[in-house]
C-alpha atoms as a PDB file:
ATOM      1  CA  MET A   1     -60.028   9.714  -6.397  1.00  0.00           C
ATOM      2  CA  THR A   2     -58.025  11.519  -3.618  1.00  0.00           C
ATOM      3  CA  ARG A   3     -54.554  11.185  -2.598  1.00  0.00           C
ATOM      4  CA  SER A   4     -56.486   9.728   0.856  1.00  0.00           C
ATOM      5  CA  VAL A   5     -58.426   6.811  -0.489  1.00  0.00           C
ATOM      6  CA  LEU A   6     -55.124   5.551  -2.675  1.00  0.00           C
ATOM      7  CA  ALA A   7     -53.037   5.915   0.539  1.00  0.00           C
ATOM      8  CA  ASP A   8     -55.645   3.860   2.474  1.00  0.00           C
ATOM      9  CA  LEU A   9     -55.769   1.441  -0.579  1.00  0.00           C
ATOM     10  CA  ASP A  10     -52.160   0.942  -0.591  1.00  0.00           C
ATOM     11  CA  ALA A  11     -52.233   0.416   3.501  1.00  0.00           C
ATOM     12  CA  VAL A  12     -54.875  -2.349   2.558  1.00  0.00           C
ATOM     13  CA  LEU A  13     -52.661  -3.506   0.321  1.00  0.00           C
ATOM     14  CA  SER A  14     -49.636  -3.578   2.689  1.00  0.00           C
ATOM     15  CA  ILE A  15     -51.245  -5.190   5.744  1.00  0.00           C
ATOM     16  CA  ALA A  16     -52.489  -8.078   3.282  1.00  0.00           C
ATOM     17  CA  ARG A  17     -49.192  -8.734   2.070  1.00  0.00           C
ATOM     18  CA  LEU A  18     -46.929  -8.252   5.429  1.00  0.00           C
ATOM     19  CA  GLY A  19     -49.676 -10.025   7.115  1.00  0.00           C
ATOM     20  CA  SER A  20     -49.323  -7.631  10.437  1.00  0.00           C
ATOM     21  CA  PHE A  21     -50.431  -4.079  11.333  1.00  0.00           C
ATOM     22  CA  ARG A  22     -47.371  -3.353  12.834  1.00  0.00           C
ATOM     23  CA  ALA A  23     -45.230  -4.426  10.089  1.00  0.00           C
ATOM     24  CA  ALA A  24     -47.280  -2.541   7.528  1.00  0.00           C
ATOM     25  CA  ALA A  25     -47.231   0.492   9.855  1.00  0.00           C
ATOM     26  CA  LEU A  26     -43.560  -0.013   9.031  1.00  0.00           C
ATOM     27  CA  ASP A  27     -43.138  -0.292   5.933  1.00  0.00           C
ATOM     28  CA  LEU A  28     -45.405   2.665   5.154  1.00  0.00           C
ATOM     29  CA  GLY A  29     -43.679   5.166   7.595  1.00  0.00           C
ATOM     30  CA  ILE A  30     -46.735   6.042   9.824  1.00  0.00           C
ATOM     31  CA  SER A  31     -47.420   4.477  13.278  1.00  0.00           C
ATOM     32  CA  THR A  32     -49.879   1.581  14.255  1.00  0.00           C
ATOM     33  CA  THR A  33     -52.541   3.824  15.391  1.00  0.00           C
ATOM     34  CA  ALA A  34     -53.029   6.137  12.646  1.00  0.00           C
ATOM     35  CA  LEU A  35     -52.837   2.691  10.455  1.00  0.00           C
ATOM     36  CA  SER A  36     -55.401   1.407  12.365  1.00  0.00           C
ATOM     37  CA  ASN A  37     -57.831   4.469  12.359  1.00  0.00           C
ATOM     38  CA  SER A  38     -57.052   4.548   8.403  1.00  0.00           C
ATOM     39  CA  ILE A  39     -58.511   0.931   7.967  1.00  0.00           C
ATOM     40  CA  ALA A  40     -61.403   1.396  10.433  1.00  0.00           C
ATOM     41  CA  LYS A  41     -62.517   4.643   8.594  1.00  0.00           C
ATOM     42  CA  LEU A  42     -62.100   2.732   5.499  1.00  0.00           C
ATOM     43  CA  GLU A  43     -63.989  -0.207   6.925  1.00  0.00           C
ATOM     44  CA  GLN A  44     -66.589   1.883   8.371  1.00  0.00           C
ATOM     45  CA  ARG A  45     -67.009   3.953   4.652  1.00  0.00           C
ATOM     46  CA  LEU A  46     -67.265   0.484   2.998  1.00  0.00           C
ATOM     47  CA  GLY A  47     -70.068  -0.773   5.118  1.00  0.00           C
ATOM     48  CA  ILE A  48     -67.651  -4.055   5.467  1.00  0.00           C
ATOM     49  CA  ARG A  49     -64.983  -5.415   7.762  1.00  0.00           C
ATOM     50  CA  LEU A  50     -61.858  -6.443   5.576  1.00  0.00           C
ATOM     51  CA  PHE A  51     -59.759  -8.013   8.474  1.00  0.00           C
ATOM     52  CA  ASN A  52     -60.114 -10.340  11.389  1.00  0.00           C
ATOM     53  CA  ARG A  53     -57.708  -8.917  14.265  1.00  0.00           C
ATOM     54  CA  THR A  54     -57.061 -10.856  17.138  1.00  0.00           C
ATOM     55  CA  THR A  55     -54.208  -9.837  19.573  1.00  0.00           C
ATOM     56  CA  ARG A  56     -51.590 -12.297  17.366  1.00  0.00           C
ATOM     57  CA  SER A  57     -52.981 -12.525  14.074  1.00  0.00           C
ATOM     58  CA  VAL A  58     -54.400 -10.582  11.113  1.00  0.00           C
ATOM     59  CA  SER A  59     -56.117 -12.358   8.092  1.00  0.00           C
ATOM     60  CA  LEU A  60     -58.527 -11.060   5.199  1.00  0.00           C
ATOM     61  CA  THR A  61     -62.341 -11.842   5.690  1.00  0.00           C
ATOM     62  CA  ASP A  62     -63.823 -13.356   2.483  1.00  0.00           C
ATOM     63  CA  ALA A  63     -65.061 -10.031   1.603  1.00  0.00           C
ATOM     64  CA  GLY A  64     -61.335  -8.362   2.115  1.00  0.00           C
ATOM     65  CA  LYS A  65     -59.584 -11.047  -0.075  1.00  0.00           C
ATOM     66  CA  THR A  66     -62.135 -10.295  -2.759  1.00  0.00           C
ATOM     67  CA  PHE A  67     -61.884  -6.804  -2.135  1.00  0.00           C
ATOM     68  CA  VAL A  68     -57.981  -7.158  -2.781  1.00  0.00           C
ATOM     69  CA  GLU A  69     -58.300  -9.466  -5.152  1.00  0.00           C
ATOM     70  CA  ARG A  70     -59.722  -6.317  -7.212  1.00  0.00           C
ATOM     71  CA  VAL A  71     -58.171  -3.074  -5.979  1.00  0.00           C
ATOM     72  CA  GLY A  72     -54.493  -5.042  -6.140  1.00  0.00           C
ATOM     73  CA  PRO A  73     -54.345  -4.893 -10.214  1.00  0.00           C
ATOM     74  CA  ALA A  74     -55.869  -1.809 -10.320  1.00  0.00           C
ATOM     75  CA  MET A  75     -53.672   0.016  -7.716  1.00  0.00           C
ATOM     76  CA  THR A  76     -50.488  -2.008  -9.283  1.00  0.00           C
ATOM     77  CA  ASP A  77     -52.009  -0.111 -12.809  1.00  0.00           C
ATOM     78  CA  ILE A  78     -51.830   3.740 -11.048  1.00  0.00           C
ATOM     79  CA  HIS A  79     -48.776   3.444  -9.344  1.00  0.00           C
ATOM     80  CA  ASP A  80     -47.519   2.106 -12.991  1.00  0.00           C
ATOM     81  CA  ALA A  81     -49.177   5.342 -14.279  1.00  0.00           C
ATOM     82  CA  MET A  82     -47.693   7.554 -12.123  1.00  0.00           C
ATOM     83  CA  LEU A  83     -44.025   6.089 -12.276  1.00  0.00           C
ATOM     84  CA  ALA A  84     -44.705   6.629 -16.249  1.00  0.00           C
ATOM     85  CA  ALA A  85     -45.282  10.251 -15.308  1.00  0.00           C
ATOM     86  CA  GLN A  86     -42.656  10.841 -13.233  1.00  0.00           C
ATOM     87  CA  SER A  87     -39.803   8.935 -15.657  1.00  0.00           C
ATOM     88  CA  PHE A  88     -40.215  12.791 -17.365  1.00  0.00           C
ATOM     89  CA  GLN A  89     -38.924  14.608 -14.540  1.00  0.00           C
ATOM     90  CA  GLU A  90     -36.192  16.665 -15.379  1.00  0.00           C
ATOM     91  CA  ILE A  91     -34.984  17.047 -11.689  1.00  0.00           C
ATOM     92  CA  PRO A  92     -34.548  13.648  -9.793  1.00  0.00           C
ATOM     93  CA  ARG A  93     -36.664  13.850  -6.781  1.00  0.00           C
ATOM     94  CA  GLY A  94     -38.821  11.015  -4.381  1.00  0.00           C
ATOM     95  CA  THR A  95     -38.085   8.605  -2.220  1.00  0.00           C
ATOM     96  CA  LEU A  96     -35.733   5.410  -3.240  1.00  0.00           C
ATOM     97  CA  ARG A  97     -35.601   2.364  -0.666  1.00  0.00           C
ATOM     98  CA  ILE A  98     -32.469  -0.097  -0.385  1.00  0.00           C
ATOM     99  CA  ASN A  99     -32.190  -2.731   1.399  1.00  0.00           C
ATOM    100  CA  ALA A 100     -28.855  -3.977   2.215  1.00  0.00           C
ATOM    101  CA  PHE A 101     -26.466  -6.102   4.518  1.00  0.00           C
ATOM    102  CA  ALA A 102     -25.204  -3.257   6.893  1.00  0.00           C
ATOM    103  CA  THR A 103     -21.363  -4.537   6.006  1.00  0.00           C
ATOM    104  CA  ALA A 104     -22.653  -3.848   2.443  1.00  0.00           C
ATOM    105  CA  ALA A 105     -23.926  -0.765   3.672  1.00  0.00           C
ATOM    106  CA  ARG A 106     -20.911   0.792   4.857  1.00  0.00           C
ATOM    107  CA  GLU A 107     -18.553   0.157   2.326  1.00  0.00           C
ATOM    108  CA  VAL A 108     -20.951   2.434  -0.202  1.00  0.00           C
ATOM    109  CA  MET A 109     -22.349   4.887   2.041  1.00  0.00           C
ATOM    110  CA  GLU A 110     -19.953   7.673   1.721  1.00  0.00           C
ATOM    111  CA  PRO A 111     -18.130   6.833  -2.102  1.00  0.00           C
ATOM    112  CA  LEU A 112     -21.825   5.871  -3.360  1.00  0.00           C
ATOM    113  CA  ILE A 113     -24.918   6.830  -1.198  1.00  0.00           C
ATOM    114  CA  LEU A 114     -23.695  10.246   0.377  1.00  0.00           C
ATOM    115  CA  ALA A 115     -22.231  11.415  -3.051  1.00  0.00           C
ATOM    116  CA  PHE A 116     -25.542  10.760  -4.797  1.00  0.00           C
ATOM    117  CA  LEU A 117     -27.279  13.107  -2.126  1.00  0.00           C
ATOM    118  CA  GLN A 118     -25.204  15.872  -2.819  1.00  0.00           C
ATOM    119  CA  ARG A 119     -25.539  15.622  -6.531  1.00  0.00           C
ATOM    120  CA  HIS A 120     -29.559  15.261  -6.021  1.00  0.00           C
ATOM    121  CA  PRO A 121     -30.880  16.969  -2.937  1.00  0.00           C
ATOM    122  CA  GLN A 122     -34.087  16.438  -3.992  1.00  0.00           C
ATOM    123  CA  VAL A 123     -34.113  12.996  -3.679  1.00  0.00           C
ATOM    124  CA  HIS A 124     -34.907  10.703  -0.079  1.00  0.00           C
ATOM    125  CA  ILE A 125     -33.052   7.436   0.486  1.00  0.00           C
ATOM    126  CA  ASP A 126     -34.644   5.093   2.852  1.00  0.00           C
ATOM    127  CA  LEU A 127     -31.958   2.760   3.873  1.00  0.00           C
ATOM    128  CA  VAL A 128     -32.648  -0.664   5.705  1.00  0.00           C
ATOM    129  CA  THR A 129     -29.684  -3.007   7.037  1.00  0.00           C
ATOM    130  CA  GLU A 130     -30.297  -6.317   8.060  1.00  0.00           C
ATOM    131  CA  GLY A 131     -28.442  -9.545   8.246  1.00  0.00           C
ATOM    132  CA  ARG A 132     -31.157 -11.684   6.834  1.00  0.00           C
ATOM    133  CA  ILE A 133     -32.056 -12.045   2.971  1.00  0.00           C
ATOM    134  CA  VAL A 134     -35.570 -10.444   1.959  1.00  0.00           C
ATOM    135  CA  ASP A 135     -37.326 -10.424  -1.278  1.00  0.00           C
ATOM    136  CA  ILE A 136     -37.428  -6.926  -2.058  1.00  0.00           C
ATOM    137  CA  VAL A 137     -40.203  -6.814  -4.351  1.00  0.00           C
ATOM    138  CA  ALA A 138     -42.599  -8.270  -1.668  1.00  0.00           C
ATOM    139  CA  ALA A 139     -40.860  -5.887   1.048  1.00  0.00           C
ATOM    140  CA  GLY A 140     -41.501  -2.732  -1.047  1.00  0.00           C
ATOM    141  CA  PHE A 141     -37.819  -2.116  -1.655  1.00  0.00           C
ATOM    142  CA  ASP A 142     -36.997  -0.699  -5.203  1.00  0.00           C
ATOM    143  CA  LEU A 143     -33.239  -1.980  -4.636  1.00  0.00           C
ATOM    144  CA  GLY A 144     -31.037  -4.525  -3.082  1.00  0.00           C
ATOM    145  CA  LEU A 145     -27.306  -4.733  -2.278  1.00  0.00           C
ATOM    146  CA  ARG A 146     -25.526  -8.039  -1.616  1.00  0.00           C
ATOM    147  CA  PRO A 147     -22.867  -9.910  -2.524  1.00  0.00           C
ATOM    148  CA  ALA A 148     -23.201 -10.997  -6.171  1.00  0.00           C
ATOM    149  CA  GLU A 149     -23.402 -14.524  -5.366  1.00  0.00           C
ATOM    150  CA  LEU A 150     -26.419 -13.817  -3.159  1.00  0.00           C
ATOM    151  CA  VAL A 151     -28.493 -11.920  -5.613  1.00  0.00           C
ATOM    152  CA  PRO A 152     -31.592 -13.799  -7.065  1.00  0.00           C
ATOM    153  CA  ALA A 153     -31.480 -15.006 -10.986  1.00  0.00           C
ATOM    154  CA  ASP A 154     -34.418 -13.121 -12.201  1.00  0.00           C
ATOM    155  CA  MET A 155     -33.173  -9.677 -10.745  1.00  0.00           C
ATOM    156  CA  ILE A 156     -30.703  -7.163 -12.790  1.00  0.00           C
ATOM    157  CA  ALA A 157     -27.535  -7.008 -11.002  1.00  0.00           C
ATOM    158  CA  VAL A 158     -24.899  -3.865 -11.256  1.00  0.00           C
ATOM    159  CA  PRO A 159     -21.600  -5.147 -10.193  1.00  0.00           C
ATOM    160  CA  LEU A 160     -19.816  -2.357  -7.754  1.00  0.00           C
ATOM    161  CA  GLY A 161     -16.549  -4.013  -8.359  1.00  0.00           C
ATOM    162  CA  LEU A 162     -15.104  -3.629  -4.740  1.00  0.00           C
ATOM    163  CA  ARG A 163     -12.498  -6.364  -3.464  1.00  0.00           C
ATOM    164  CA  ARG A 164     -13.605  -7.478  -0.581  1.00  0.00           C
ATOM    165  CA  SER A 165     -12.145 -10.028   2.068  1.00  0.00           C
ATOM    166  CA  ASN A 166     -12.251 -10.883   5.562  1.00  0.00           C
ATOM    167  CA  ALA A 167      -9.994  -9.470   7.806  1.00  0.00           C
ATOM    168  CA  VAL A 168      -8.450 -11.603  11.545  1.00  0.00           C
ATOM    169  CA  VAL A 169      -7.367  -8.235  13.609  1.00  0.00           C
ATOM    170  CA  ALA A 170      -6.019  -7.660  17.324  1.00  0.00           C
ATOM    171  CA  SER A 171      -4.512  -4.938  19.248  1.00  0.00           C
ATOM    172  CA  PRO A 172      -0.617  -4.363  19.028  1.00  0.00           C
ATOM    173  CA  GLU A 173      -0.435  -4.973  22.800  1.00  0.00           C
ATOM    174  CA  PHE A 174      -2.703  -8.490  22.433  1.00  0.00           C
ATOM    175  CA  LEU A 175      -0.384  -9.904  19.925  1.00  0.00           C
ATOM    176  CA  ARG A 176       2.687  -8.571  22.115  1.00  0.00           C
ATOM    177  CA  THR A 177       1.861 -10.422  24.897  1.00  0.00           C
ATOM    178  CA  HIS A 178       0.044 -13.590  23.402  1.00  0.00           C
ATOM    179  CA  GLY A 179       1.766 -13.798  20.155  1.00  0.00           C
ATOM    180  CA  ARG A 180       0.596 -14.147  16.409  1.00  0.00           C
ATOM    181  CA  PRO A 181      -1.533 -17.219  15.093  1.00  0.00           C
ATOM    182  CA  VAL A 182       0.403 -18.609  11.899  1.00  0.00           C
ATOM    183  CA  VAL A 183      -2.345 -21.167  10.425  1.00  0.00           C
ATOM    184  CA  PRO A 184      -6.135 -20.733  11.328  1.00  0.00           C
ATOM    185  CA  THR A 185      -5.793 -23.984  13.917  1.00  0.00           C
ATOM    186  CA  ASP A 186      -3.184 -21.794  15.853  1.00  0.00           C
ATOM    187  CA  LEU A 187      -6.556 -20.222  16.918  1.00  0.00           C
ATOM    188  CA  TYR A 188      -7.444 -23.037  19.094  1.00  0.00           C
ATOM    189  CA  ARG A 189      -4.684 -21.391  21.163  1.00  0.00           C
ATOM    190  CA  PHE A 190      -5.650 -18.185  21.557  1.00  0.00           C
ATOM    191  CA  ARG A 191      -8.816 -15.696  23.323  1.00  0.00           C
ATOM    192  CA  CYS A 192     -11.095 -14.806  20.308  1.00  0.00           C
ATOM    193  CA  ILE A 193     -13.991 -12.536  19.747  1.00  0.00           C
ATOM    194  CA  ARG A 194     -17.719 -14.505  19.269  1.00  0.00           C
ATOM    195  CA  ALA A 195     -19.718 -13.108  16.554  1.00  0.00           C
ATOM    196  CA  ARG A 196     -23.643 -14.230  16.264  1.00  0.00           C
ATOM    197  CA  LEU A 197     -25.332 -14.201  13.328  1.00  0.00           C
ATOM    198  CA  PRO A 198     -28.677 -12.968  12.453  1.00  0.00           C
ATOM    199  CA  ASN A 199     -30.474 -16.436  12.699  1.00  0.00           C
ATOM    200  CA  ASN A 200     -28.786 -16.643  16.130  1.00  0.00           C
ATOM    201  CA  ALA A 201     -26.032 -19.302  15.599  1.00  0.00           C
ATOM    202  CA  LEU A 202     -22.433 -18.618  15.956  1.00  0.00           C
ATOM    203  CA  LEU A 203     -20.025 -17.590  13.251  1.00  0.00           C
ATOM    204  CA  ARG A 204     -17.641 -20.004  12.084  1.00  0.00           C
ATOM    205  CA  TRP A 205     -14.431 -18.622  10.923  1.00  0.00           C
ATOM    206  CA  LYS A 206     -13.511 -19.173   7.145  1.00  0.00           C
ATOM    207  CA  PHE A 207     -10.315 -19.499   5.866  1.00  0.00           C
ATOM    208  CA  GLU A 208      -8.715 -21.005   2.675  1.00  0.00           C
ATOM    209  CA  LYS A 209      -5.529 -21.516   0.953  1.00  0.00           C
ATOM    210  CA  ASP A 210      -4.499 -22.954  -1.844  1.00  0.00           C
ATOM    211  CA  GLY A 211      -7.561 -24.979  -2.190  1.00  0.00           C
ATOM    212  CA  ASN A 212      -7.633 -25.986   1.396  1.00  0.00           C
ATOM    213  CA  ALA A 213     -10.741 -24.661   3.260  1.00  0.00           C
ATOM    214  CA  VAL A 214     -10.769 -24.682   7.115  1.00  0.00           C
ATOM    215  CA  GLN A 215     -13.808 -23.299   9.382  1.00  0.00           C
ATOM    216  CA  ILE A 216     -12.578 -22.914  12.900  1.00  0.00           C
ATOM    217  CA  ASP A 217     -15.341 -22.564  15.847  1.00  0.00           C
ATOM    218  CA  VAL A 218     -13.392 -20.201  17.983  1.00  0.00           C
ATOM    219  CA  GLN A 219     -13.446 -19.921  21.652  1.00  0.00           C
ATOM    220  CA  GLY A 220     -13.483 -16.731  24.052  1.00  0.00           C
ATOM    221  CA  SER A 221     -14.826 -14.576  26.608  1.00  0.00           C
ATOM    222  CA  ILE A 222     -17.552 -12.235  24.996  1.00  0.00           C
ATOM    223  CA  THR A 223     -19.959 -13.211  21.939  1.00  0.00           C
ATOM    224  CA  LEU A 224     -21.191  -9.995  19.750  1.00  0.00           C
ATOM    225  CA  ASP A 225     -23.842 -10.115  17.545  1.00  0.00           C
ATOM    226  CA  GLU A 226     -22.282  -6.335  15.499  1.00  0.00           C
ATOM    227  CA  SER A 227     -19.132  -5.939  13.464  1.00  0.00           C
ATOM    228  CA  SER A 228     -18.804  -2.790  15.129  1.00  0.00           C
ATOM    229  CA  LEU A 229     -18.601  -3.892  19.140  1.00  0.00           C
ATOM    230  CA  VAL A 230     -16.354  -6.706  17.653  1.00  0.00           C
ATOM    231  CA  ARG A 231     -14.066  -3.962  16.093  1.00  0.00           C
ATOM    232  CA  ILE A 232     -14.029  -2.174  19.259  1.00  0.00           C
ATOM    233  CA  ALA A 233     -13.713  -5.192  21.900  1.00  0.00           C
ATOM    234  CA  ALA A 234     -10.574  -6.157  19.280  1.00  0.00           C
ATOM    235  CA  GLN A 235      -8.914  -2.361  19.559  1.00  0.00           C
ATOM    236  CA  ASN A 236      -9.147  -3.370  23.506  1.00  0.00           C
ATOM    237  CA  GLY A 237      -7.269  -6.100  23.601  1.00  0.00           C
ATOM    238  CA  VAL A 238     -10.232  -8.287  24.273  1.00  0.00           C
ATOM    239  CA  GLY A 239      -9.050 -10.777  21.974  1.00  0.00           C
ATOM    240  CA  LEU A 240      -8.726 -11.676  17.985  1.00  0.00           C
ATOM    241  CA  GLY A 241     -11.865 -10.401  15.802  1.00  0.00           C
ATOM    242  CA  TYR A 242     -13.073 -11.555  12.124  1.00  0.00           C
ATOM    243  CA  VAL A 243     -14.544  -8.802  10.308  1.00  0.00           C
ATOM    244  CA  MET A 244     -14.915  -7.205   6.977  1.00  0.00           C
ATOM    245  CA  GLU A 245     -11.754  -5.728   5.809  1.00  0.00           C
ATOM    246  CA  ALA A 246     -13.259  -2.384   4.997  1.00  0.00           C
ATOM    247  CA  ASP A 247     -14.281  -1.933   8.464  1.00  0.00           C
ATOM    248  CA  VAL A 248     -11.164  -1.944   9.886  1.00  0.00           C
ATOM    249  CA  ARG A 249      -8.837  -0.591   7.199  1.00  0.00           C
ATOM    250  CA  GLU A 250      -8.352   2.490   8.824  1.00  0.00           C
ATOM    251  CA  ASP A 251      -7.567   1.158  11.995  1.00  0.00           C
ATOM    252  CA  ILE A 252      -4.966  -1.174  10.482  1.00  0.00           C
ATOM    253  CA  VAL A 253      -3.534   2.023   8.383  1.00  0.00           C
ATOM    254  CA  ALA A 254      -3.245   3.943  12.116  1.00  0.00           C
ATOM    255  CA  GLY A 255      -1.702   0.626  13.897  1.00  0.00           C
ATOM    256  CA  ARG A 256      -4.685   0.881  16.340  1.00  0.00           C
ATOM    257  CA  LEU A 257      -5.612  -2.837  15.263  1.00  0.00           C
ATOM    258  CA  VAL A 258      -2.480  -4.979  13.141  1.00  0.00           C
ATOM    259  CA  ARG A 259      -4.221  -8.119  10.497  1.00  0.00           C
ATOM    260  CA  VAL A 260      -3.029 -11.746  10.715  1.00  0.00           C
ATOM    261  CA  LEU A 261      -3.658 -14.598   8.763  1.00  0.00           C
ATOM    262  CA  ASP A 262      -4.259 -12.398   5.836  1.00  0.00           C
ATOM    263  CA  ASP A 263      -3.008 -15.110   3.242  1.00  0.00           C
ATOM    264  CA  TRP A 264      -5.492 -17.476   4.198  1.00  0.00           C
ATOM    265  CA  THR A 265      -8.655 -14.990   3.613  1.00  0.00           C
ATOM    266  CA  PRO A 266      -9.244 -14.619   0.125  1.00  0.00           C
ATOM    267  CA  THR A 267     -10.856 -12.125  -1.875  1.00  0.00           C
ATOM    268  CA  LEU A 268     -14.848 -12.662  -1.116  1.00  0.00           C
ATOM    269  CA  ALA A 269     -17.769 -11.964  -4.043  1.00  0.00           C
ATOM    270  CA  PRO A 270     -17.811  -8.174  -5.078  1.00  0.00           C
ATOM    271  CA  LEU A 271     -20.824  -6.068  -3.931  1.00  0.00           C
ATOM    272  CA  ALA A 272     -23.832  -5.745  -6.283  1.00  0.00           C
ATOM    273  CA  LEU A 273     -26.929  -3.424  -6.487  1.00  0.00           C
ATOM    274  CA  TYR A 274     -29.950  -5.287  -8.020  1.00  0.00           C
ATOM    275  CA  TYR A 275     -33.392  -4.676  -9.013  1.00  0.00           C
ATOM    276  CA  PRO A 276     -36.575  -6.272 -10.724  1.00  0.00           C
ATOM    277  CA  GLY A 277     -36.928  -5.054 -14.133  1.00  0.00           C
ATOM    278  CA  ARG A 278     -39.292  -1.831 -14.674  1.00  0.00           C
ATOM    279  CA  LYS A 279     -41.601  -0.062 -16.789  1.00  0.00           C
ATOM    280  CA  ASN A 280     -40.432   3.544 -16.733  1.00  0.00           C
ATOM    281  CA  PRO A 281     -38.681   4.261 -14.226  1.00  0.00           C
ATOM    282  CA  PRO A 282     -39.051   7.498 -12.121  1.00  0.00           C
ATOM    283  CA  ALA A 283     -35.876   9.829 -12.957  1.00  0.00           C
ATOM    284  CA  ALA A 284     -34.459   9.219  -8.962  1.00  0.00           C
ATOM    285  CA  PHE A 285     -34.202   5.536  -9.776  1.00  0.00           C
ATOM    286  CA  THR A 286     -32.609   5.928 -12.994  1.00  0.00           C
ATOM    287  CA  ALA A 287     -30.059   8.638 -11.587  1.00  0.00           C
ATOM    288  CA  PHE A 288     -28.829   6.213  -8.931  1.00  0.00           C
ATOM    289  CA  ILE A 289     -28.857   3.076 -11.095  1.00  0.00           C
ATOM    290  CA  GLN A 290     -26.195   5.624 -13.308  1.00  0.00           C
ATOM    291  CA  ALA A 291     -24.608   6.721 -10.248  1.00  0.00           C
ATOM    292  CA  ALA A 292     -23.877   2.895  -9.686  1.00  0.00           C
ATOM    293  CA  ARG A 293     -22.386   2.118 -13.063  1.00  0.00           C
ATOM    294  CA  GLU A 294     -20.201   5.321 -12.773  1.00  0.00           C
ATOM    295  CA  PHE A 295     -19.197   4.385  -9.096  1.00  0.00           C
ATOM    296  CA  ALA A 296     -18.241   0.945 -10.623  1.00  0.00           C
ATOM    297  CA  ASN A 297     -15.967   2.272 -13.177  1.00  0.00           C
ATOM    298  CA  ARG A 298     -14.112   4.782 -11.328  1.00  0.00           C
END
């Protein structure tokens, strides 16, 4: 079986799993046109149509369903065999796909991911950040990175031990002009920077102290959907912002931002790297897990 045939079979399985040529093309790292041409050639070679395609949907034909049911387990066995062979590599190489919240990725980017790549230059890391929680197995990722409390129960977790919290910040000029909130309900009197979540809902600022939990629906002149934009707006005196403390730590130390209500923003659940149980994982995967454990124990 040639490498191109294996790639074509993987493409069929990816389209069947994701239900979209576009999503499958992104998953496989090729263009939609190239993927469509590959499937057309495979269908021509087989003499059958595998997919029903319209401008809005993709579905397997009856022949396609039978084909996928037979090919899927076989391809799993082939990939397992390849991984078993790769596990004997002395030098880690290949691609690791990691799915993470953007805030989580920023926290480990330099001390874990970039440090790992410096030690293992033949490894390629494909890091995908998104706000929603995905099934990393179904989406074709090797690893996930999330707060420990959000790791699925059937996954193996590697706690990374990072202390994390939210932070309410503003520029020194803003606080000199408008004063400082002392308790969360004071925020109703201040101009704030609103944030929109991936599901399109507005973020309610969460606080807790001495067992008392409070959520505030703040008001302000701007709504943003990315933490880095909230940071910029806060630095420019637009209002109070609510972000991950790690994202503004350097700004606080440098005096560009000032933290308030810190006694109302307790420590959050630590980050954890997680993955499904694997037989004979490749050397790159094993090396990254070892690096994560060393990072957690530093």
